[in-house]
N, C-alpha and C. Protein backbone atom coordinates (compact mmCIF):
# COMPACT_ATOMS: atom_id res chain seq x y z
N MET A 1 0.87 -1.23 -0.05
CA MET A 1 0.02 -0.10 0.06
C MET A 1 0.99 1.28 0.02
N GLN A 2 0.75 2.20 -0.91
CA GLN A 2 1.37 3.35 -0.93
C GLN A 2 0.53 4.41 -0.56
N LEU A 3 1.39 5.56 0.15
CA LEU A 3 0.76 6.65 0.77
C LEU A 3 -0.37 7.33 -0.12
N GLN A 4 0.03 7.47 -1.47
CA GLN A 4 -0.97 8.36 -2.28
C GLN A 4 -2.35 7.40 -2.52
N ASP A 5 -2.46 6.24 -1.89
CA ASP A 5 -3.59 5.28 -2.06
C ASP A 5 -4.32 5.35 -0.83
N CYS A 6 -3.94 6.16 0.07
CA CYS A 6 -4.47 6.28 1.28
C CYS A 6 -4.88 7.62 2.02
N TYR A 7 -5.63 7.65 3.00
CA TYR A 7 -6.10 9.01 3.57
C TYR A 7 -5.54 8.96 5.14
N TYR A 8 -5.29 9.86 5.62
CA TYR A 8 -4.85 10.26 6.94
C TYR A 8 -5.95 10.10 8.00
N LEU A 9 -5.88 8.99 9.04
CA LEU A 9 -6.73 8.71 9.88
C LEU A 9 -6.68 9.39 11.37
N GLY A 10 -5.37 9.14 11.53
CA GLY A 10 -4.99 9.86 12.89
C GLY A 10 -3.63 9.47 13.43
N LEU A 11 -3.43 9.67 14.75
CA LEU A 11 -2.10 9.33 15.39
C LEU A 11 -2.09 8.57 16.43
N ILE A 12 -1.19 7.54 16.66
CA ILE A 12 -0.97 7.11 17.93
C ILE A 12 -0.39 7.91 18.97
N ALA A 13 -1.23 8.33 19.82
CA ALA A 13 -0.82 9.57 20.78
C ALA A 13 0.05 9.06 21.98
N LYS A 14 -0.54 7.95 22.53
CA LYS A 14 0.33 7.45 23.65
C LYS A 14 -0.05 6.09 24.05
N LEU A 15 0.53 5.59 25.06
CA LEU A 15 0.28 4.12 25.60
C LEU A 15 -1.18 4.22 26.26
N HIS A 16 -1.85 3.18 26.35
CA HIS A 16 -3.10 2.94 27.07
C HIS A 16 -3.16 1.66 27.95
N GLY A 17 -2.70 1.92 29.14
CA GLY A 17 -2.63 0.81 30.13
C GLY A 17 -1.01 0.29 29.86
N PHE A 18 -1.10 -1.05 30.27
CA PHE A 18 0.33 -1.72 30.21
C PHE A 18 0.39 -3.11 29.54
N LYS A 19 -0.56 -3.41 28.83
CA LYS A 19 -0.59 -4.55 28.25
C LYS A 19 -0.85 -4.63 26.81
N GLY A 20 -0.14 -3.45 26.18
CA GLY A 20 0.13 -3.45 24.67
C GLY A 20 -0.87 -2.54 23.91
N GLU A 21 -2.01 -1.89 24.66
CA GLU A 21 -2.79 -1.17 24.11
C GLU A 21 -2.36 0.43 23.70
N VAL A 22 -2.75 0.84 22.91
CA VAL A 22 -2.46 2.35 22.46
C VAL A 22 -3.55 3.13 22.39
N SER A 23 -3.55 4.61 22.71
CA SER A 23 -4.46 5.56 22.38
C SER A 23 -4.38 6.20 20.90
N LEU A 24 -5.33 5.90 20.22
CA LEU A 24 -5.34 6.46 18.75
C LEU A 24 -6.10 7.67 18.87
N PHE A 25 -5.61 8.93 18.36
CA PHE A 25 -6.39 10.05 17.98
C PHE A 25 -6.96 10.03 16.71
N LEU A 26 -8.31 9.73 16.50
CA LEU A 26 -9.04 9.87 15.41
C LEU A 26 -9.19 11.28 14.76
N ASP A 27 -8.62 11.66 13.82
CA ASP A 27 -8.62 13.02 13.17
C ASP A 27 -9.62 13.17 12.11
N VAL A 28 -10.86 12.83 12.53
CA VAL A 28 -11.99 12.60 11.61
C VAL A 28 -13.05 13.40 12.24
N THR A 29 -14.16 13.72 11.31
CA THR A 29 -15.30 14.30 11.75
C THR A 29 -16.24 13.49 12.68
N HIS A 30 -16.49 12.22 12.44
CA HIS A 30 -17.04 11.24 13.14
C HIS A 30 -16.47 10.06 13.50
N PRO A 31 -15.56 10.09 14.72
CA PRO A 31 -14.99 8.90 15.03
C PRO A 31 -15.69 7.69 15.27
N ALA A 32 -16.86 7.66 15.58
CA ALA A 32 -17.63 6.55 15.71
C ALA A 32 -17.79 5.82 14.31
N ASP A 33 -17.73 6.25 13.25
CA ASP A 33 -17.90 5.62 12.08
C ASP A 33 -16.54 4.50 11.88
N TYR A 34 -15.77 4.63 12.65
CA TYR A 34 -14.56 3.84 12.65
C TYR A 34 -14.38 2.86 13.73
N GLN A 35 -15.60 2.48 14.27
CA GLN A 35 -15.49 1.61 15.46
C GLN A 35 -15.43 0.09 14.94
N GLY A 36 -15.84 -0.20 13.59
CA GLY A 36 -15.91 -1.72 12.94
C GLY A 36 -14.45 -1.91 12.35
N LEU A 37 -13.42 -1.21 12.45
CA LEU A 37 -12.19 -1.40 11.65
C LEU A 37 -11.41 -2.68 12.06
N ASP A 38 -10.88 -3.40 11.10
CA ASP A 38 -10.41 -4.60 11.46
C ASP A 38 -8.78 -4.52 11.30
N ALA A 39 -8.51 -3.49 10.53
CA ALA A 39 -6.91 -3.15 10.32
C ALA A 39 -6.80 -1.72 9.90
N LEU A 40 -5.57 -1.26 9.96
CA LEU A 40 -5.24 0.02 9.57
C LEU A 40 -3.75 -0.01 9.31
N TYR A 41 -3.08 0.90 8.52
CA TYR A 41 -1.80 0.99 8.08
C TYR A 41 -1.11 2.20 8.91
N LEU A 42 -0.23 1.80 9.53
CA LEU A 42 0.88 2.73 10.27
C LEU A 42 2.14 3.03 9.57
N ASP A 43 2.65 4.39 9.68
CA ASP A 43 3.84 4.73 8.85
C ASP A 43 4.95 4.42 9.78
N MET A 44 5.50 3.41 9.42
CA MET A 44 6.68 2.74 10.25
C MET A 44 7.96 3.28 9.24
N ASN A 45 8.46 4.46 9.94
CA ASN A 45 9.72 4.86 8.92
C ASN A 45 9.56 5.04 7.60
N GLY A 46 8.50 5.61 7.11
CA GLY A 46 8.36 5.38 5.74
C GLY A 46 7.66 4.59 4.75
N GLN A 47 7.35 3.58 5.78
CA GLN A 47 6.80 2.36 5.06
C GLN A 47 5.34 1.92 5.69
N LEU A 48 4.43 1.92 4.85
CA LEU A 48 2.97 1.71 5.30
C LEU A 48 2.94 0.08 5.80
N THR A 49 2.73 -0.03 7.01
CA THR A 49 2.56 -1.42 7.60
C THR A 49 1.32 -1.73 7.88
N PRO A 50 0.43 -2.98 7.70
CA PRO A 50 -0.63 -3.15 8.17
C PRO A 50 -0.72 -3.57 9.62
N PHE A 51 -1.62 -3.29 10.40
CA PHE A 51 -1.77 -3.70 11.86
C PHE A 51 -3.24 -4.13 11.89
N PHE A 52 -3.35 -5.39 12.47
CA PHE A 52 -4.71 -5.93 12.50
C PHE A 52 -5.22 -5.77 14.12
N ILE A 53 -6.62 -5.15 14.07
CA ILE A 53 -7.04 -4.71 15.13
C ILE A 53 -7.63 -5.71 16.03
N LYS A 54 -7.29 -5.95 17.12
CA LYS A 54 -8.00 -7.02 18.15
C LYS A 54 -8.99 -6.44 18.93
N GLY A 55 -8.91 -5.17 19.33
CA GLY A 55 -9.87 -4.50 20.15
C GLY A 55 -9.81 -3.01 19.93
N PHE A 56 -11.01 -2.50 19.81
CA PHE A 56 -11.14 -1.12 19.54
C PHE A 56 -12.34 -0.45 20.47
N LYS A 57 -11.92 0.51 21.30
CA LYS A 57 -12.91 1.12 22.36
C LYS A 57 -12.96 2.41 22.18
N LEU A 58 -13.95 3.05 21.67
CA LEU A 58 -14.03 4.64 21.64
C LEU A 58 -14.16 5.25 22.76
N LYS A 59 -13.32 6.22 23.03
CA LYS A 59 -13.17 7.10 24.25
C LYS A 59 -13.73 8.41 23.81
N ASN A 60 -13.41 9.48 24.69
CA ASN A 60 -13.96 10.70 24.56
C ASN A 60 -12.92 11.57 23.51
N LYS A 61 -13.45 12.61 22.98
CA LYS A 61 -12.64 13.74 22.44
C LYS A 61 -11.86 13.00 21.25
N GLY A 62 -12.62 12.16 20.65
CA GLY A 62 -11.73 11.51 19.28
C GLY A 62 -10.70 10.45 19.60
N PHE A 63 -10.68 10.10 20.70
CA PHE A 63 -9.63 9.01 21.10
C PHE A 63 -10.36 7.68 21.12
N ALA A 64 -9.42 6.59 20.76
CA ALA A 64 -10.03 5.16 20.94
C ALA A 64 -8.73 4.40 21.51
N ALA A 65 -9.04 3.50 22.46
CA ALA A 65 -8.23 2.55 23.03
C ALA A 65 -8.15 1.36 21.95
N VAL A 66 -6.86 1.05 21.61
CA VAL A 66 -6.78 0.01 20.46
C VAL A 66 -5.82 -1.00 20.89
N LYS A 67 -6.22 -2.23 20.65
CA LYS A 67 -5.31 -3.17 20.74
C LYS A 67 -5.16 -4.01 19.60
N PHE A 68 -3.67 -4.06 19.11
CA PHE A 68 -3.48 -4.61 18.02
C PHE A 68 -2.89 -6.14 18.15
N GLU A 69 -3.02 -7.07 17.20
CA GLU A 69 -2.53 -8.36 17.09
C GLU A 69 -1.24 -8.25 17.20
N GLY A 70 -0.45 -9.06 17.91
CA GLY A 70 0.90 -9.32 17.93
C GLY A 70 1.56 -8.22 18.94
N ILE A 71 0.73 -7.39 19.52
CA ILE A 71 1.41 -6.09 20.24
C ILE A 71 0.92 -6.61 21.77
N GLU A 72 1.84 -7.17 22.36
CA GLU A 72 1.25 -7.72 23.89
C GLU A 72 1.99 -6.98 25.02
N THR A 73 2.99 -6.15 24.65
CA THR A 73 3.83 -5.67 25.91
C THR A 73 3.82 -4.22 25.73
N GLU A 74 4.19 -3.52 26.68
CA GLU A 74 4.21 -2.03 26.90
C GLU A 74 5.37 -1.69 25.94
N GLU A 75 6.43 -2.41 25.84
CA GLU A 75 7.83 -2.05 25.01
C GLU A 75 7.10 -2.30 23.60
N ALA A 76 6.51 -3.19 23.19
CA ALA A 76 6.20 -3.25 21.77
C ALA A 76 5.25 -2.09 21.33
N ALA A 77 4.37 -1.77 22.30
CA ALA A 77 3.39 -0.69 22.00
C ALA A 77 4.02 0.64 21.71
N GLN A 78 5.16 0.84 22.76
CA GLN A 78 5.79 2.22 22.69
C GLN A 78 6.49 2.38 21.38
N ARG A 79 6.68 1.27 20.68
CA ARG A 79 7.38 1.64 19.24
C ARG A 79 6.36 2.22 18.28
N LEU A 80 4.99 2.28 18.61
CA LEU A 80 4.06 2.70 17.80
C LEU A 80 3.57 4.02 17.96
N VAL A 81 3.85 4.60 19.30
CA VAL A 81 3.68 5.92 19.66
C VAL A 81 4.21 6.88 18.68
N LYS A 82 3.42 7.78 18.42
CA LYS A 82 3.53 8.98 17.41
C LYS A 82 3.60 8.54 16.19
N LYS A 83 3.39 7.15 15.72
CA LYS A 83 3.10 6.81 14.35
C LYS A 83 1.73 7.39 13.80
N LYS A 84 1.81 7.73 12.34
CA LYS A 84 0.51 8.14 11.90
C LYS A 84 -0.21 6.87 11.30
N ALA A 85 -1.62 7.07 11.35
CA ALA A 85 -2.39 5.85 10.78
C ALA A 85 -3.13 6.24 9.67
N TYR A 86 -3.27 5.32 8.79
CA TYR A 86 -3.88 5.52 7.46
C TYR A 86 -4.86 4.40 7.22
N LEU A 87 -5.86 4.79 6.09
CA LEU A 87 -6.68 3.83 5.66
C LEU A 87 -6.68 3.98 4.21
N PRO A 88 -7.08 2.90 3.49
CA PRO A 88 -7.03 2.87 1.84
C PRO A 88 -8.22 3.98 1.49
N LEU A 89 -8.14 4.83 0.36
CA LEU A 89 -8.99 5.73 -0.17
C LEU A 89 -10.10 4.82 -0.58
N GLU A 90 -9.99 3.54 -1.10
CA GLU A 90 -11.10 2.84 -1.71
C GLU A 90 -12.10 2.33 -0.65
N ILE A 91 -11.94 2.58 0.55
CA ILE A 91 -12.97 2.19 1.59
C ILE A 91 -13.84 3.53 1.88
N LEU A 92 -13.50 4.87 1.31
CA LEU A 92 -14.17 5.93 1.53
C LEU A 92 -15.56 5.82 0.78
N PRO A 93 -16.76 6.18 1.37
CA PRO A 93 -17.92 5.94 0.48
C PRO A 93 -17.98 7.26 -0.39
N GLU A 94 -18.66 7.21 -1.56
CA GLU A 94 -18.87 8.15 -2.39
C GLU A 94 -19.74 9.35 -1.85
N LEU A 95 -19.23 10.52 -2.16
CA LEU A 95 -20.03 11.55 -1.67
C LEU A 95 -21.01 12.36 -2.77
N ASP A 96 -22.10 13.09 -2.28
CA ASP A 96 -22.62 13.64 -3.34
C ASP A 96 -22.04 14.97 -3.87
N GLN A 97 -22.54 15.73 -4.72
CA GLN A 97 -21.64 16.69 -5.46
C GLN A 97 -21.62 17.95 -4.62
N SER A 98 -22.32 18.04 -3.34
CA SER A 98 -22.09 19.15 -2.45
C SER A 98 -21.27 18.92 -1.04
N SER A 99 -20.76 17.78 -1.04
CA SER A 99 -19.97 17.19 0.02
C SER A 99 -18.55 16.76 -0.33
N PHE A 100 -17.58 16.80 0.51
CA PHE A 100 -16.24 16.56 0.29
C PHE A 100 -15.55 15.99 1.54
N TYR A 101 -14.46 15.39 1.21
CA TYR A 101 -13.54 14.77 2.25
C TYR A 101 -12.53 16.02 2.43
N ASP A 102 -12.00 16.49 3.45
CA ASP A 102 -11.12 17.32 3.76
C ASP A 102 -9.77 17.26 2.84
N HIS A 103 -9.27 15.79 2.91
CA HIS A 103 -7.91 15.72 2.28
C HIS A 103 -8.17 15.83 0.75
N GLU A 104 -9.35 15.51 0.25
CA GLU A 104 -9.41 15.33 -1.20
C GLU A 104 -9.53 16.72 -1.93
N ILE A 105 -9.73 17.80 -1.28
CA ILE A 105 -9.86 19.02 -2.15
C ILE A 105 -8.62 19.88 -1.95
N ILE A 106 -7.67 19.46 -1.32
CA ILE A 106 -6.47 20.18 -1.32
C ILE A 106 -5.88 20.40 -2.77
N GLY A 107 -5.70 21.68 -3.03
CA GLY A 107 -5.40 22.02 -4.53
C GLY A 107 -6.52 22.15 -5.48
N TYR A 108 -7.60 22.04 -5.03
CA TYR A 108 -8.83 22.45 -6.05
C TYR A 108 -8.88 23.90 -5.97
N LYS A 109 -9.28 24.45 -7.20
CA LYS A 109 -9.52 25.76 -7.55
C LYS A 109 -10.87 26.09 -6.98
N VAL A 110 -11.13 27.29 -6.39
CA VAL A 110 -12.23 27.74 -5.70
C VAL A 110 -12.92 28.78 -6.59
N PHE A 111 -14.32 28.69 -6.82
CA PHE A 111 -15.02 29.80 -7.52
C PHE A 111 -16.29 30.11 -6.59
N ASP A 112 -16.24 31.58 -6.59
CA ASP A 112 -17.38 32.03 -5.70
C ASP A 112 -18.52 32.45 -6.57
N THR A 113 -19.86 32.26 -6.35
CA THR A 113 -20.81 32.57 -6.94
C THR A 113 -20.75 34.09 -7.60
N ASP A 114 -20.50 34.91 -6.80
CA ASP A 114 -20.27 36.40 -7.15
C ASP A 114 -18.95 36.77 -7.58
N LYS A 115 -17.87 36.36 -6.97
CA LYS A 115 -16.58 36.98 -7.24
C LYS A 115 -15.92 36.10 -8.32
N GLY A 116 -16.23 34.93 -8.72
CA GLY A 116 -15.65 34.12 -9.71
C GLY A 116 -14.35 33.28 -8.91
N ALA A 117 -13.20 33.17 -9.65
CA ALA A 117 -12.04 32.57 -9.13
C ALA A 117 -11.48 33.19 -7.98
N ILE A 118 -11.56 32.59 -6.85
CA ILE A 118 -10.94 33.20 -5.64
C ILE A 118 -9.80 32.48 -4.89
N GLY A 119 -9.26 31.68 -5.55
CA GLY A 119 -8.00 30.75 -5.14
C GLY A 119 -7.95 29.49 -5.24
N VAL A 120 -6.88 29.01 -4.48
CA VAL A 120 -6.75 27.44 -4.59
C VAL A 120 -6.67 26.85 -2.99
N VAL A 121 -7.42 25.78 -2.74
CA VAL A 121 -7.46 25.30 -1.35
C VAL A 121 -6.11 24.82 -0.95
N GLN A 122 -5.68 25.26 0.17
CA GLN A 122 -4.35 25.07 0.69
C GLN A 122 -4.52 24.06 1.90
N ASP A 123 -5.58 24.20 2.56
CA ASP A 123 -5.82 23.45 3.70
C ASP A 123 -7.38 23.47 4.25
N VAL A 124 -7.75 22.57 5.02
CA VAL A 124 -8.82 22.63 5.62
C VAL A 124 -8.55 22.81 7.05
N ILE A 125 -8.94 23.82 7.79
CA ILE A 125 -8.50 24.04 9.20
C ILE A 125 -9.80 23.45 10.01
N ASP A 126 -9.33 22.48 10.72
CA ASP A 126 -10.56 21.84 11.37
C ASP A 126 -10.55 22.33 12.90
N MET A 127 -11.28 23.43 13.06
CA MET A 127 -11.55 24.15 14.19
C MET A 127 -12.86 23.52 14.71
N THR A 128 -12.93 23.27 16.08
CA THR A 128 -14.25 22.79 16.66
C THR A 128 -15.31 23.62 16.58
N ALA A 129 -15.33 24.94 16.73
CA ALA A 129 -16.38 25.75 16.64
C ALA A 129 -16.99 26.19 15.04
N ASN A 130 -15.81 26.01 14.24
CA ASN A 130 -16.23 26.34 12.79
C ASN A 130 -14.95 26.12 11.91
N PRO A 131 -15.07 25.02 11.19
CA PRO A 131 -13.95 24.68 10.33
C PRO A 131 -13.82 25.70 9.21
N LEU A 132 -12.41 25.94 8.52
CA LEU A 132 -12.31 27.19 7.72
C LEU A 132 -11.67 26.40 6.50
N LEU A 133 -11.94 26.93 5.28
CA LEU A 133 -11.31 26.69 4.16
C LEU A 133 -10.00 27.78 4.09
N GLN A 134 -8.94 27.25 3.95
CA GLN A 134 -7.73 28.14 3.72
C GLN A 134 -7.41 28.08 2.20
N LEU A 135 -7.44 29.25 1.72
CA LEU A 135 -7.21 29.56 0.33
C LEU A 135 -6.07 30.24 0.17
N ASP A 136 -5.39 30.15 -1.01
CA ASP A 136 -4.42 30.98 -1.67
C ASP A 136 -4.86 31.79 -2.84
N PHE A 137 -4.85 33.10 -2.85
CA PHE A 137 -5.33 33.90 -3.94
C PHE A 137 -3.99 34.85 -4.09
N ASN A 138 -3.29 34.31 -5.18
CA ASN A 138 -1.95 34.95 -5.46
C ASN A 138 -1.20 35.63 -4.47
N GLY A 139 -1.07 34.75 -3.45
CA GLY A 139 -0.07 34.93 -2.18
C GLY A 139 -0.89 35.56 -1.00
N THR A 140 -2.22 35.77 -1.30
CA THR A 140 -2.95 36.32 -0.21
C THR A 140 -3.68 35.16 0.43
N GLU A 141 -3.77 35.05 1.53
CA GLU A 141 -4.56 33.97 2.41
C GLU A 141 -5.90 34.39 2.41
N ILE A 142 -6.84 33.61 2.24
CA ILE A 142 -8.43 33.96 2.50
C ILE A 142 -8.96 32.69 3.23
N LEU A 143 -9.56 33.05 4.36
CA LEU A 143 -10.18 32.03 5.27
C LEU A 143 -11.81 32.29 5.01
N VAL A 144 -12.30 31.06 4.61
CA VAL A 144 -13.75 31.02 4.55
C VAL A 144 -14.38 30.10 5.46
N PRO A 145 -15.24 30.44 6.45
CA PRO A 145 -15.91 29.58 7.32
C PRO A 145 -16.69 28.59 6.38
N ILE A 146 -16.65 27.19 7.00
CA ILE A 146 -17.49 26.28 6.27
C ILE A 146 -18.91 26.19 7.27
N PHE A 147 -19.70 26.25 6.49
CA PHE A 147 -21.16 26.29 7.06
C PHE A 147 -22.22 25.58 6.07
N GLU A 148 -23.28 25.15 6.48
CA GLU A 148 -24.51 24.58 5.80
C GLU A 148 -24.63 25.52 4.68
N GLY A 149 -24.65 25.08 3.47
CA GLY A 149 -24.97 25.97 2.22
C GLY A 149 -23.99 26.72 1.62
N LEU A 150 -22.68 26.74 2.17
CA LEU A 150 -21.38 27.37 1.43
C LEU A 150 -21.27 26.59 0.30
N ILE A 151 -21.07 25.40 0.22
CA ILE A 151 -20.64 24.51 -0.72
C ILE A 151 -21.77 24.33 -1.87
N GLN A 152 -21.66 24.82 -3.07
CA GLN A 152 -22.59 24.65 -4.09
C GLN A 152 -22.39 23.39 -4.94
N LYS A 153 -21.28 23.04 -5.23
CA LYS A 153 -20.88 21.90 -6.24
C LYS A 153 -19.36 21.55 -5.95
N VAL A 154 -19.21 20.20 -6.06
CA VAL A 154 -17.75 19.81 -5.94
C VAL A 154 -17.63 19.16 -7.31
N GLU A 155 -16.59 19.64 -8.21
CA GLU A 155 -16.25 19.05 -9.56
C GLU A 155 -14.95 18.33 -9.36
N ARG A 156 -15.11 16.87 -9.01
CA ARG A 156 -14.07 16.16 -8.86
C ARG A 156 -13.12 16.00 -10.02
N LYS A 157 -13.64 15.70 -11.16
CA LYS A 157 -12.84 15.42 -12.23
C LYS A 157 -11.96 16.81 -12.57
N LYS A 158 -12.78 18.04 -12.55
CA LYS A 158 -11.85 19.28 -12.81
C LYS A 158 -11.20 19.68 -11.62
N LYS A 159 -11.30 19.18 -10.48
CA LYS A 159 -10.67 19.48 -9.30
C LYS A 159 -10.96 21.07 -8.91
N GLU A 160 -12.28 21.34 -8.99
CA GLU A 160 -13.01 22.54 -8.79
C GLU A 160 -14.04 22.63 -7.64
N LEU A 161 -14.07 23.53 -6.88
CA LEU A 161 -14.98 23.72 -5.91
C LEU A 161 -15.71 25.13 -5.99
N TYR A 162 -17.16 25.12 -5.88
CA TYR A 162 -18.06 26.16 -6.26
C TYR A 162 -18.57 26.45 -4.90
N ILE A 163 -18.41 27.60 -4.44
CA ILE A 163 -19.06 28.11 -3.05
C ILE A 163 -19.81 29.29 -3.35
N LYS A 164 -20.57 29.77 -2.16
CA LYS A 164 -21.43 30.91 -2.16
C LYS A 164 -20.90 31.51 -0.91
N ALA A 165 -19.85 32.51 -0.73
CA ALA A 165 -19.32 32.99 0.42
C ALA A 165 -20.38 33.98 0.91
N PRO A 166 -20.24 34.31 2.27
CA PRO A 166 -21.10 35.15 2.98
C PRO A 166 -20.69 36.73 2.10
N GLU A 167 -21.82 37.32 2.11
CA GLU A 167 -21.85 38.69 1.43
C GLU A 167 -20.66 39.55 2.16
N GLY A 168 -19.69 40.21 1.19
CA GLY A 168 -18.74 40.98 1.83
C GLY A 168 -17.32 40.34 2.32
N LEU A 169 -17.48 38.99 2.55
CA LEU A 169 -16.28 38.21 3.04
C LEU A 169 -14.95 38.29 2.20
N ILE A 170 -15.38 38.04 0.92
CA ILE A 170 -14.17 37.81 -0.15
C ILE A 170 -13.57 39.42 -0.30
N ASP A 171 -14.35 40.38 -0.07
CA ASP A 171 -13.96 41.76 -0.22
C ASP A 171 -13.13 42.15 0.79
N LEU A 172 -12.98 41.48 1.91
CA LEU A 172 -12.05 41.84 2.96
C LEU A 172 -10.63 41.48 2.43
N TYR A 173 -10.49 40.51 1.67
CA TYR A 173 -9.28 39.98 1.12
C TYR A 173 -8.75 40.50 -0.04
N ILE A 174 -9.58 40.69 -0.99
CA ILE A 174 -9.12 41.16 -2.31
C ILE A 174 -10.06 42.38 -2.82
N ASP A 175 -9.61 43.06 -3.78
CA ASP A 175 -10.38 44.13 -4.32
C ASP A 175 -11.25 43.82 -5.48
């Protein structure tokens, strides 16, 4: 499995107990969607390595206590701490034309219904209160809050995102 065929799931944050369990931070919108996982990939020094899940218990604030097959000691589990976890892109469900996965729109051109082309997606900043689209418009950073009704259309084949920004927002950044 190659990194370009996967999406980032989260990070092994720390040990959980003393019997080889780890605490996995799920960097996703709905952590409960991942309770049925049977395996994931960890980036072990640049090599994606499959780890099979023996136990998975969702905790609070996006964390899960995870027990992997073959990891029975605290020492073995310690080698997994700070490793990034990934899943294959192919397991993501298809989305409709007004929804997107954060990772997929990086690099998409963004068009506002009133202003036209307003930049390229650099990142999706996942803030609890209100996530933001971070755009680059000729070297100027534009931050657009993501809310119900913002996204008009996602053109995956063209790598374009069509939005209806709040009135006056884009004018704060560009003339």
